[in-house]
Structure formats: structure tokens, C-alpha cells
Amino acid sequence: SKISLTYQRPNSNGRTVFGGLVPYGEVWRTGANN
């Protein structure tokens, strides 16, 4: 069989990602946009 993924790929651009741009303890879309 097969597994497929479609996702959007944000850049950190010097930002703190986890605990900053992506808050801890909150549901995240696991990427950007959709």
C-alpha cells in the first residue's frame, strides 16, 4: 500500500518556533495554511 502527505512548509526565519511561533499546549495545524 501507500501513505501520502500534503502539507505547507513554513520557515523559522530567525524566530523561536516551539513555545513562540507555535505555542505549547495548543492544537497546531502541523504546518502552515491548510
Full PDB file with SEQRES, HELIX, SHEET, SSBOND, CRYST1, ORIGX, SCALE, CONECT and MASTER records, all heavy atoms in Angstrom:
SEQRES   1 A   34  SER LYS ILE SER LEU THR TYR GLN ARG PRO ASN SER ASN          
SEQRES   2 A   34  GLY ARG THR VAL PHE GLY GLY LEU VAL PRO TYR GLY GLU          
SEQRES   3 A   34  VAL TRP ARG THR GLY ALA ASN ASN                              
CRYST1    1.000    1.000    1.000  90.00  90.00  90.00 P 1           1          
ORIGX1      1.000000  0.000000  0.000000        0.00000                         
ORIGX2      0.000000  1.000000  0.000000        0.00000                         
ORIGX3      0.000000  0.000000  1.000000        0.00000                         
SCALE1      1.000000  0.000000  0.000000        0.00000                         
SCALE2      0.000000  1.000000  0.000000        0.00000                         
SCALE3      0.000000  0.000000  1.000000        0.00000                         
ATOM      1  N   SER A   1       0.842  -1.199   0.000  1.00  0.00           N  
ATOM      2  CA  SER A   1       0.000   0.000   0.000  1.00  0.00           C  
ATOM      3  C   SER A   1       0.875   1.247   0.000  1.00  0.00           C  
ATOM      4  O   SER A   1       2.077   1.183  -0.246  1.00  0.00           O  
ATOM      5  CB  SER A   1      -0.948  -0.009   1.207  1.00  0.00           C  
ATOM      6  OG  SER A   1      -0.204  -0.025   2.411  1.00  0.00           O  
ATOM      7  N   LYS A   2       0.282   2.393   0.299  1.00  0.00           N  
ATOM      8  CA  LYS A   2       0.998   3.665   0.213  1.00  0.00           C  
ATOM      9  C   LYS A   2       0.453   4.656   1.237  1.00  0.00           C  
ATOM     10  O   LYS A   2      -0.723   4.640   1.577  1.00  0.00           O  
ATOM     11  CB  LYS A   2       0.829   4.238  -1.209  1.00  0.00           C  
ATOM     12  CG  LYS A   2       1.593   5.523  -1.477  1.00  0.00           C  
ATOM     13  CD  LYS A   2       1.468   5.928  -2.941  1.00  0.00           C  
ATOM     14  CE  LYS A   2       0.076   6.358  -3.297  1.00  0.00           C  
ATOM     15  NZ  LYS A   2      -0.015   6.908  -4.665  1.00  0.00           N  
ATOM     16  N   ILE A   3       1.353   5.522   1.727  1.00  0.00           N  
ATOM     17  CA  ILE A   3       0.969   6.641   2.594  1.00  0.00           C  
ATOM     18  C   ILE A   3       1.329   7.934   1.871  1.00  0.00           C  
ATOM     19  O   ILE A   3       2.423   8.051   1.312  1.00  0.00           O  
ATOM     20  CB  ILE A   3       1.698   6.581   3.950  1.00  0.00           C  
ATOM     21  CG1 ILE A   3       1.282   5.334   4.719  1.00  0.00           C  
ATOM     22  CG2 ILE A   3       1.386   7.823   4.778  1.00  0.00           C  
ATOM     23  CD1 ILE A   3       1.991   5.185   6.045  1.00  0.00           C  
ATOM     24  N   SER A   4       0.423   8.911   1.863  1.00  0.00           N  
ATOM     25  CA  SER A   4       0.653  10.188   1.192  1.00  0.00           C  
ATOM     26  C   SER A   4       0.407  11.348   2.153  1.00  0.00           C  
ATOM     27  O   SER A   4      -0.427  11.250   3.055  1.00  0.00           O  
ATOM     28  CB  SER A   4      -0.261  10.339  -0.027  1.00  0.00           C  
ATOM     29  OG  SER A   4      -0.100   9.267  -0.924  1.00  0.00           O  
ATOM     30  N   LEU A   5       1.143  12.426   1.929  1.00  0.00           N  
ATOM     31  CA  LEU A   5       1.015  13.630   2.755  1.00  0.00           C  
ATOM     32  C   LEU A   5       0.941  14.859   1.871  1.00  0.00           C  
ATOM     33  O   LEU A   5       1.668  14.965   0.875  1.00  0.00           O  
ATOM     34  CB  LEU A   5       2.222  13.782   3.670  1.00  0.00           C  
ATOM     35  CG  LEU A   5       2.244  13.017   4.994  1.00  0.00           C  
ATOM     36  CD1 LEU A   5       3.669  12.945   5.518  1.00  0.00           C  
ATOM     37  CD2 LEU A   5       1.340  13.675   6.009  1.00  0.00           C  
ATOM     38  N   THR A   6       0.096  15.806   2.237  1.00  0.00           N  
ATOM     39  CA  THR A   6       0.072  17.126   1.617  1.00  0.00           C  
ATOM     40  C   THR A   6       0.138  18.152   2.744  1.00  0.00           C  
ATOM     41  O   THR A   6      -0.706  18.147   3.649  1.00  0.00           O  
ATOM     42  CB  THR A   6      -1.213  17.346   0.799  1.00  0.00           C  
ATOM     43  OG1 THR A   6      -1.291  16.347  -0.231  1.00  0.00           O  
ATOM     44  CG2 THR A   6      -1.208  18.718   0.139  1.00  0.00           C  
ATOM     45  N   TYR A   7       1.171  19.011   2.706  1.00  0.00           N  
ATOM     46  CA  TYR A   7       1.327  19.981   3.779  1.00  0.00           C  
ATOM     47  C   TYR A   7       2.091  21.209   3.305  1.00  0.00           C  
ATOM     48  O   TYR A   7       2.758  21.176   2.262  1.00  0.00           O  
ATOM     49  CB  TYR A   7       2.028  19.342   4.980  1.00  0.00           C  
ATOM     50  CG  TYR A   7       3.496  19.041   4.790  1.00  0.00           C  
ATOM     51  CD1 TYR A   7       4.477  19.796   5.430  1.00  0.00           C  
ATOM     52  CD2 TYR A   7       3.927  17.981   3.986  1.00  0.00           C  
ATOM     53  CE1 TYR A   7       5.832  19.516   5.278  1.00  0.00           C  
ATOM     54  CE2 TYR A   7       5.273  17.684   3.826  1.00  0.00           C  
ATOM     55  CZ  TYR A   7       6.222  18.453   4.473  1.00  0.00           C  
ATOM     56  OH  TYR A   7       7.553  18.173   4.312  1.00  0.00           O  
ATOM     57  N   GLN A   8       1.965  22.287   4.064  1.00  0.00           N  
ATOM     58  CA  GLN A   8       2.682  23.521   3.769  1.00  0.00           C  
ATOM     59  C   GLN A   8       3.867  23.662   4.718  1.00  0.00           C  
ATOM     60  O   GLN A   8       3.756  23.324   5.893  1.00  0.00           O  
ATOM     61  CB  GLN A   8       1.760  24.742   3.896  1.00  0.00           C  
ATOM     62  CG  GLN A   8       0.907  24.995   2.660  1.00  0.00           C  
ATOM     63  CD  GLN A   8      -0.234  23.995   2.521  1.00  0.00           C  
ATOM     64  OE1 GLN A   8      -0.946  23.743   3.477  1.00  0.00           O  
ATOM     65  NE2 GLN A   8      -0.403  23.430   1.338  1.00  0.00           N  
ATOM     66  N   ARG A   9       4.985  24.215   4.184  1.00  0.00           N  
ATOM     67  CA  ARG A   9       6.256  24.196   4.902  1.00  0.00           C  
ATOM     68  C   ARG A   9       6.734  25.610   5.265  1.00  0.00           C  
ATOM     69  O   ARG A   9       7.430  26.262   4.482  1.00  0.00           O  
ATOM     70  CB  ARG A   9       7.306  23.485   4.053  1.00  0.00           C  
ATOM     71  CG  ARG A   9       6.875  22.112   3.562  1.00  0.00           C  
ATOM     72  CD  ARG A   9       7.993  21.475   2.762  1.00  0.00           C  
ATOM     73  NE  ARG A   9       9.177  21.246   3.605  1.00  0.00           N  
ATOM     74  CZ  ARG A   9      10.387  20.989   3.115  1.00  0.00           C  
ATOM     75  NH1 ARG A   9      10.577  20.953   1.806  1.00  0.00           N  
ATOM     76  NH2 ARG A   9      11.404  20.800   3.935  1.00  0.00           N  
ATOM     77  N   PRO A  10       6.395  26.085   6.447  1.00  0.00           N  
ATOM     78  CA  PRO A  10       6.874  27.409   6.867  1.00  0.00           C  
ATOM     79  C   PRO A  10       8.357  27.378   7.233  1.00  0.00           C  
ATOM     80  O   PRO A  10       8.910  26.319   7.564  1.00  0.00           O  
ATOM     81  CB  PRO A  10       6.014  27.714   8.098  1.00  0.00           C  
ATOM     82  CG  PRO A  10       5.660  26.361   8.637  1.00  0.00           C  
ATOM     83  CD  PRO A  10       5.517  25.464   7.452  1.00  0.00           C  
ATOM     84  N   ASN A  11       8.999  28.537   7.172  1.00  0.00           N  
ATOM     85  CA  ASN A  11      10.386  28.707   7.612  1.00  0.00           C  
ATOM     86  C   ASN A  11      10.406  29.381   8.978  1.00  0.00           C  
ATOM     87  O   ASN A  11       9.495  30.138   9.330  1.00  0.00           O  
ATOM     88  CB  ASN A  11      11.170  29.558   6.614  1.00  0.00           C  
ATOM     89  CG  ASN A  11      11.376  28.841   5.294  1.00  0.00           C  
ATOM     90  OD1 ASN A  11      11.596  27.633   5.256  1.00  0.00           O  
ATOM     91  ND2 ASN A  11      11.300  29.579   4.208  1.00  0.00           N  
ATOM     92  N   SER A  12      11.462  29.139   9.736  1.00  0.00           N  
ATOM     93  CA  SER A  12      11.553  29.771  11.053  1.00  0.00           C  
ATOM     94  C   SER A  12      11.952  31.242  10.943  1.00  0.00           C  
ATOM     95  O   SER A  12      11.522  32.074  11.740  1.00  0.00           O  
ATOM     96  CB  SER A  12      12.553  29.022  11.937  1.00  0.00           C  
ATOM     97  OG  SER A  12      13.839  29.011  11.352  1.00  0.00           O  
ATOM     98  N   ASN A  13      12.777  31.582   9.931  1.00  0.00           N  
ATOM     99  CA  ASN A  13      13.169  32.993   9.699  1.00  0.00           C  
ATOM    100  C   ASN A  13      13.681  33.680  10.964  1.00  0.00           C  
ATOM    101  O   ASN A  13      13.335  34.828  11.260  1.00  0.00           O  
ATOM    102  CB  ASN A  13      11.988  33.786   9.112  1.00  0.00           C  
ATOM    103  CG  ASN A  13      11.652  33.352   7.702  1.00  0.00           C  
ATOM    104  OD1 ASN A  13      12.546  33.018   6.920  1.00  0.00           O  
ATOM    105  ND2 ASN A  13      10.365  33.318   7.368  1.00  0.00           N  
ATOM    106  N   GLY A  14      14.484  32.965  11.726  1.00  0.00           N  
ATOM    107  CA  GLY A  14      15.085  33.556  12.919  1.00  0.00           C  
ATOM    108  C   GLY A  14      14.185  33.613  14.132  1.00  0.00           C  
ATOM    109  O   GLY A  14      14.590  34.089  15.191  1.00  0.00           O  
ATOM    110  N   ARG A  15      12.956  33.120  14.003  1.00  0.00           N  
ATOM    111  CA  ARG A  15      12.018  33.175  15.121  1.00  0.00           C  
ATOM    112  C   ARG A  15      12.147  31.944  16.015  1.00  0.00           C  
ATOM    113  O   ARG A  15      12.576  30.879  15.569  1.00  0.00           O  
ATOM    114  CB  ARG A  15      10.579  33.258  14.585  1.00  0.00           C  
ATOM    115  CG  ARG A  15      10.292  34.486  13.737  1.00  0.00           C  
ATOM    116  CD  ARG A  15       8.938  34.386  13.045  1.00  0.00           C  
ATOM    117  NE  ARG A  15       8.939  33.370  11.996  1.00  0.00           N  
ATOM    118  CZ  ARG A  15       7.899  33.123  11.189  1.00  0.00           C  
ATOM    119  NH1 ARG A  15       6.786  33.834  11.335  1.00  0.00           N  
ATOM    120  NH2 ARG A  15       7.980  32.190  10.255  1.00  0.00           N  
ATOM    121  N   THR A  16      11.759  32.082  17.261  1.00  0.00           N  
ATOM    122  CA  THR A  16      11.626  30.920  18.134  1.00  0.00           C  
ATOM    123  C   THR A  16      10.348  30.208  17.728  1.00  0.00           C  
ATOM    124  O   THR A  16       9.268  30.801  17.728  1.00  0.00           O  
ATOM    125  CB  THR A  16      11.539  31.339  19.614  1.00  0.00           C  
ATOM    126  OG1 THR A  16      12.757  31.982  19.971  1.00  0.00           O  
ATOM    127  CG2 THR A  16      11.319  30.127  20.508  1.00  0.00           C  
ATOM    128  N   VAL A  17      10.458  28.947  17.356  1.00  0.00           N  
ATOM    129  CA  VAL A  17       9.291  28.233  16.820  1.00  0.00           C  
ATOM    130  C   VAL A  17       8.435  27.662  17.945  1.00  0.00           C  
ATOM    131  O   VAL A  17       7.344  28.159  18.243  1.00  0.00           O  
ATOM    132  CB  VAL A  17       9.735  27.130  15.836  1.00  0.00           C  
ATOM    133  CG1 VAL A  17       8.513  26.327  15.371  1.00  0.00           C  
ATOM    134  CG2 VAL A  17      10.439  27.736  14.633  1.00  0.00           C  
ATOM    135  N   PHE A  18       8.927  26.616  18.604  1.00  0.00           N  
ATOM    136  CA  PHE A  18       8.101  25.950  19.604  1.00  0.00           C  
ATOM    137  C   PHE A  18       8.184  26.681  20.942  1.00  0.00           C  
ATOM    138  O   PHE A  18       9.258  26.939  21.472  1.00  0.00           O  
ATOM    139  CB  PHE A  18       8.520  24.481  19.731  1.00  0.00           C  
ATOM    140  CG  PHE A  18       8.329  23.729  18.440  1.00  0.00           C  
ATOM    141  CD1 PHE A  18       9.411  23.210  17.748  1.00  0.00           C  
ATOM    142  CD2 PHE A  18       7.060  23.577  17.901  1.00  0.00           C  
ATOM    143  CE1 PHE A  18       9.241  22.539  16.551  1.00  0.00           C  
ATOM    144  CE2 PHE A  18       6.870  22.910  16.702  1.00  0.00           C  
ATOM    145  CZ  PHE A  18       7.969  22.384  16.022  1.00  0.00           C  
ATOM    146  N   GLY A  19       7.017  27.028  21.430  1.00  0.00           N  
ATOM    147  CA  GLY A  19       6.937  27.877  22.607  1.00  0.00           C  
ATOM    148  C   GLY A  19       6.904  29.349  22.247  1.00  0.00           C  
ATOM    149  O   GLY A  19       6.818  30.209  23.128  1.00  0.00           O  
ATOM    150  N   GLY A  20       6.945  29.650  20.943  1.00  0.00           N  
ATOM    151  CA  GLY A  20       6.884  31.031  20.475  1.00  0.00           C  
ATOM    152  C   GLY A  20       5.886  31.133  19.335  1.00  0.00           C  
ATOM    153  O   GLY A  20       4.691  31.339  19.551  1.00  0.00           O  
ATOM    154  N   LEU A  21       6.386  30.982  18.100  1.00  0.00           N  
ATOM    155  CA  LEU A  21       5.513  30.995  16.927  1.00  0.00           C  
ATOM    156  C   LEU A  21       4.424  29.927  17.028  1.00  0.00           C  
ATOM    157  O   LEU A  21       3.262  30.165  16.697  1.00  0.00           O  
ATOM    158  CB  LEU A  21       6.366  30.775  15.674  1.00  0.00           C  
ATOM    159  CG  LEU A  21       5.640  30.684  14.328  1.00  0.00           C  
ATOM    160  CD1 LEU A  21       4.957  32.004  14.001  1.00  0.00           C  
ATOM    161  CD2 LEU A  21       6.623  30.296  13.224  1.00  0.00           C  
ATOM    162  N   VAL A  22       4.812  28.755  17.483  1.00  0.00           N  
ATOM    163  CA  VAL A  22       3.860  27.656  17.714  1.00  0.00           C  
ATOM    164  C   VAL A  22       3.764  27.444  19.229  1.00  0.00           C  
ATOM    165  O   VAL A  22       4.693  26.910  19.840  1.00  0.00           O  
ATOM    166  CB  VAL A  22       4.329  26.356  17.028  1.00  0.00           C  
ATOM    167  CG1 VAL A  22       3.349  25.221  17.308  1.00  0.00           C  
ATOM    168  CG2 VAL A  22       4.487  26.562  15.524  1.00  0.00           C  
ATOM    169  N   PRO A  23       2.681  27.888  19.869  1.00  0.00           N  
ATOM    170  CA  PRO A  23       2.587  27.805  21.334  1.00  0.00           C  
ATOM    171  C   PRO A  23       2.540  26.367  21.837  1.00  0.00           C  
ATOM    172  O   PRO A  23       2.034  25.465  21.166  1.00  0.00           O  
ATOM    173  CB  PRO A  23       1.259  28.518  21.637  1.00  0.00           C  
ATOM    174  CG  PRO A  23       0.957  29.323  20.410  1.00  0.00           C  
ATOM    175  CD  PRO A  23       1.521  28.549  19.262  1.00  0.00           C  
ATOM    176  N   TYR A  24       3.080  26.164  23.015  1.00  0.00           N  
ATOM    177  CA  TYR A  24       2.940  24.873  23.671  1.00  0.00           C  
ATOM    178  C   TYR A  24       1.510  24.705  24.171  1.00  0.00           C  
ATOM    179  O   TYR A  24       0.837  25.660  24.549  1.00  0.00           O  
ATOM    180  CB  TYR A  24       3.890  24.767  24.868  1.00  0.00           C  
ATOM    181  CG  TYR A  24       5.345  24.625  24.501  1.00  0.00           C  
ATOM    182  CD1 TYR A  24       6.313  25.459  25.075  1.00  0.00           C  
ATOM    183  CD2 TYR A  24       5.767  23.646  23.594  1.00  0.00           C  
ATOM    184  CE1 TYR A  24       7.657  25.322  24.752  1.00  0.00           C  
ATOM    185  CE2 TYR A  24       7.118  23.513  23.264  1.00  0.00           C  
ATOM    186  CZ  TYR A  24       8.054  24.353  23.844  1.00  0.00           C  
ATOM    187  OH  TYR A  24       9.373  24.223  23.524  1.00  0.00           O  
ATOM    188  N   GLY A  25       1.053  23.454  24.157  1.00  0.00           N  
ATOM    189  CA  GLY A  25      -0.239  23.135  24.756  1.00  0.00           C  
ATOM    190  C   GLY A  25      -1.453  23.491  23.925  1.00  0.00           C  
ATOM    191  O   GLY A  25      -2.577  23.370  24.407  1.00  0.00           O  
ATOM    192  N   GLU A  26      -1.241  23.921  22.685  1.00  0.00           N  
ATOM    193  CA  GLU A  26      -2.374  24.272  21.813  1.00  0.00           C  
ATOM    194  C   GLU A  26      -2.355  23.421  20.546  1.00  0.00           C  
ATOM    195  O   GLU A  26      -1.283  23.033  20.068  1.00  0.00           O  
ATOM    196  CB  GLU A  26      -2.316  25.757  21.437  1.00  0.00           C  
ATOM    197  CG  GLU A  26      -2.471  26.698  22.614  1.00  0.00           C  
ATOM    198  CD  GLU A  26      -2.478  28.162  22.187  1.00  0.00           C  
ATOM    199  OE1 GLU A  26      -2.600  28.429  20.964  1.00  0.00           O  
ATOM    200  OE2 GLU A  26      -2.348  29.032  23.070  1.00  0.00           O  
ATOM    201  N   VAL A  27      -3.543  23.170  20.010  1.00  0.00           N  
ATOM    202  CA  VAL A  27      -3.642  22.385  18.772  1.00  0.00           C  
ATOM    203  C   VAL A  27      -3.017  23.155  17.619  1.00  0.00           C  
ATOM    204  O   VAL A  27      -3.333  24.335  17.400  1.00  0.00           O  
ATOM    205  CB  VAL A  27      -5.117  22.050  18.449  1.00  0.00           C  
ATOM    206  CG1 VAL A  27      -5.220  21.335  17.106  1.00  0.00           C  
ATOM    207  CG2 VAL A  27      -5.718  21.174  19.547  1.00  0.00           C  
ATOM    208  N   TRP A  28      -2.135  22.505  16.899  1.00  0.00           N  
ATOM    209  CA  TRP A  28      -1.414  23.109  15.768  1.00  0.00           C  
ATOM    210  C   TRP A  28      -1.766  22.378  14.485  1.00  0.00           C  
ATOM    211  O   TRP A  28      -1.921  21.158  14.466  1.00  0.00           O  
ATOM    212  CB  TRP A  28       0.095  23.023  16.042  1.00  0.00           C  
ATOM    213  CG  TRP A  28       0.986  23.591  14.971  1.00  0.00           C  
ATOM    214  CD1 TRP A  28       0.813  24.725  14.262  1.00  0.00           C  
ATOM    215  CD2 TRP A  28       2.216  23.014  14.503  1.00  0.00           C  
ATOM    216  NE1 TRP A  28       1.841  24.918  13.379  1.00  0.00           N  
ATOM    217  CE2 TRP A  28       2.737  23.876  13.507  1.00  0.00           C  
ATOM    218  CE3 TRP A  28       2.931  21.864  14.829  1.00  0.00           C  
ATOM    219  CZ2 TRP A  28       3.930  23.609  12.833  1.00  0.00           C  
ATOM    220  CZ3 TRP A  28       4.121  21.609  14.165  1.00  0.00           C  
ATOM    221  CH2 TRP A  28       4.611  22.485  13.176  1.00  0.00           C  
ATOM    222  N   ARG A  29      -1.852  23.119  13.416  1.00  0.00           N  
ATOM    223  CA  ARG A  29      -2.193  22.543  12.111  1.00  0.00           C  
ATOM    224  C   ARG A  29      -1.085  21.641  11.550  1.00  0.00           C  
ATOM    225  O   ARG A  29      -1.255  20.991  10.535  1.00  0.00           O  
ATOM    226  CB  ARG A  29      -2.513  23.659  11.119  1.00  0.00           C  
ATOM    227  CG  ARG A  29      -1.288  24.476  10.718  1.00  0.00           C  
ATOM    228  CD  ARG A  29      -1.655  25.683   9.859  1.00  0.00           C  
ATOM    229  NE  ARG A  29      -1.998  26.833  10.668  1.00  0.00           N  
ATOM    230  CZ  ARG A  29      -2.487  27.984  10.178  1.00  0.00           C  
ATOM    231  NH1 ARG A  29      -2.681  28.109   8.875  1.00  0.00           N  
ATOM    232  NH2 ARG A  29      -2.772  28.983  10.972  1.00  0.00           N  
ATOM    233  N   THR A  30       0.074  21.645  12.192  1.00  0.00           N  
ATOM    234  CA  THR A  30       1.236  20.845  11.782  1.00  0.00           C  
ATOM    235  C   THR A  30       1.754  21.308  10.425  1.00  0.00           C  
ATOM    236  O   THR A  30       1.914  20.520   9.491  1.00  0.00           O  
ATOM    237  CB  THR A  30       0.923  19.332  11.790  1.00  0.00           C  
ATOM    238  OG1 THR A  30       0.134  19.020  12.941  1.00  0.00           O  
ATOM    239  CG2 THR A  30       2.193  18.513  11.839  1.00  0.00           C  
ATOM    240  N   GLY A  31       2.010  22.585  10.332  1.00  0.00           N  
ATOM    241  CA  GLY A  31       2.485  23.203   9.108  1.00  0.00           C  
ATOM    242  C   GLY A  31       1.941  24.613   9.038  1.00  0.00           C  
ATOM    243  O   GLY A  31       1.785  25.282  10.062  1.00  0.00           O  
ATOM    244  N   ALA A  32       1.630  25.052   7.829  1.00  0.00           N  
ATOM    245  CA  ALA A  32       1.049  26.384   7.633  1.00  0.00           C  
ATOM    246  C   ALA A  32      -0.186  26.267   6.755  1.00  0.00           C  
ATOM    247  O   ALA A  32      -0.421  25.241   6.116  1.00  0.00           O  
ATOM    248  CB  ALA A  32       2.077  27.308   6.977  1.00  0.00           C  
ATOM    249  N   ASN A  33      -0.975  27.349   6.744  1.00  0.00           N  
ATOM    250  CA  ASN A  33      -2.163  27.425   5.875  1.00  0.00           C  
ATOM    251  C   ASN A  33      -3.128  26.280   6.158  1.00  0.00           C  
ATOM    252  O   ASN A  33      -3.617  26.152   7.260  1.00  0.00           O  
ATOM    253  CB  ASN A  33      -1.744  27.480   4.403  1.00  0.00           C  
ATOM    254  CG  ASN A  33      -0.831  28.651   4.117  1.00  0.00           C  
ATOM    255  OD1 ASN A  33      -0.967  29.721   4.701  1.00  0.00           O  
ATOM    256  ND2 ASN A  33       0.135  28.444   3.233  1.00  0.00           N  
ATOM    257  N   ASN A  34      -3.426  25.434   5.149  1.00  0.00           N  
ATOM    258  CA  ASN A  34      -4.337  24.310   5.370  1.00  0.00           C  
ATOM    259  C   ASN A  34      -3.731  23.323   6.363  1.00  0.00           C  
ATOM    260  O   ASN A  34      -2.517  23.181   6.443  1.00  0.00           O  
ATOM    261  CB  ASN A  34      -4.616  23.570   4.057  1.00  0.00           C  
ATOM    262  CG  ASN A  34      -5.382  24.422   3.075  1.00  0.00           C  
ATOM    263  OD1 ASN A  34      -6.315  25.114   3.444  1.00  0.00           O  
ATOM    264  ND2 ASN A  34      -4.983  24.372   1.816  1.00  0.00           N  
TER     265      ASN A  34                                                      
MASTER        0    0    0    0    0    0    0    6  264    1    0    3          
END                                                                             
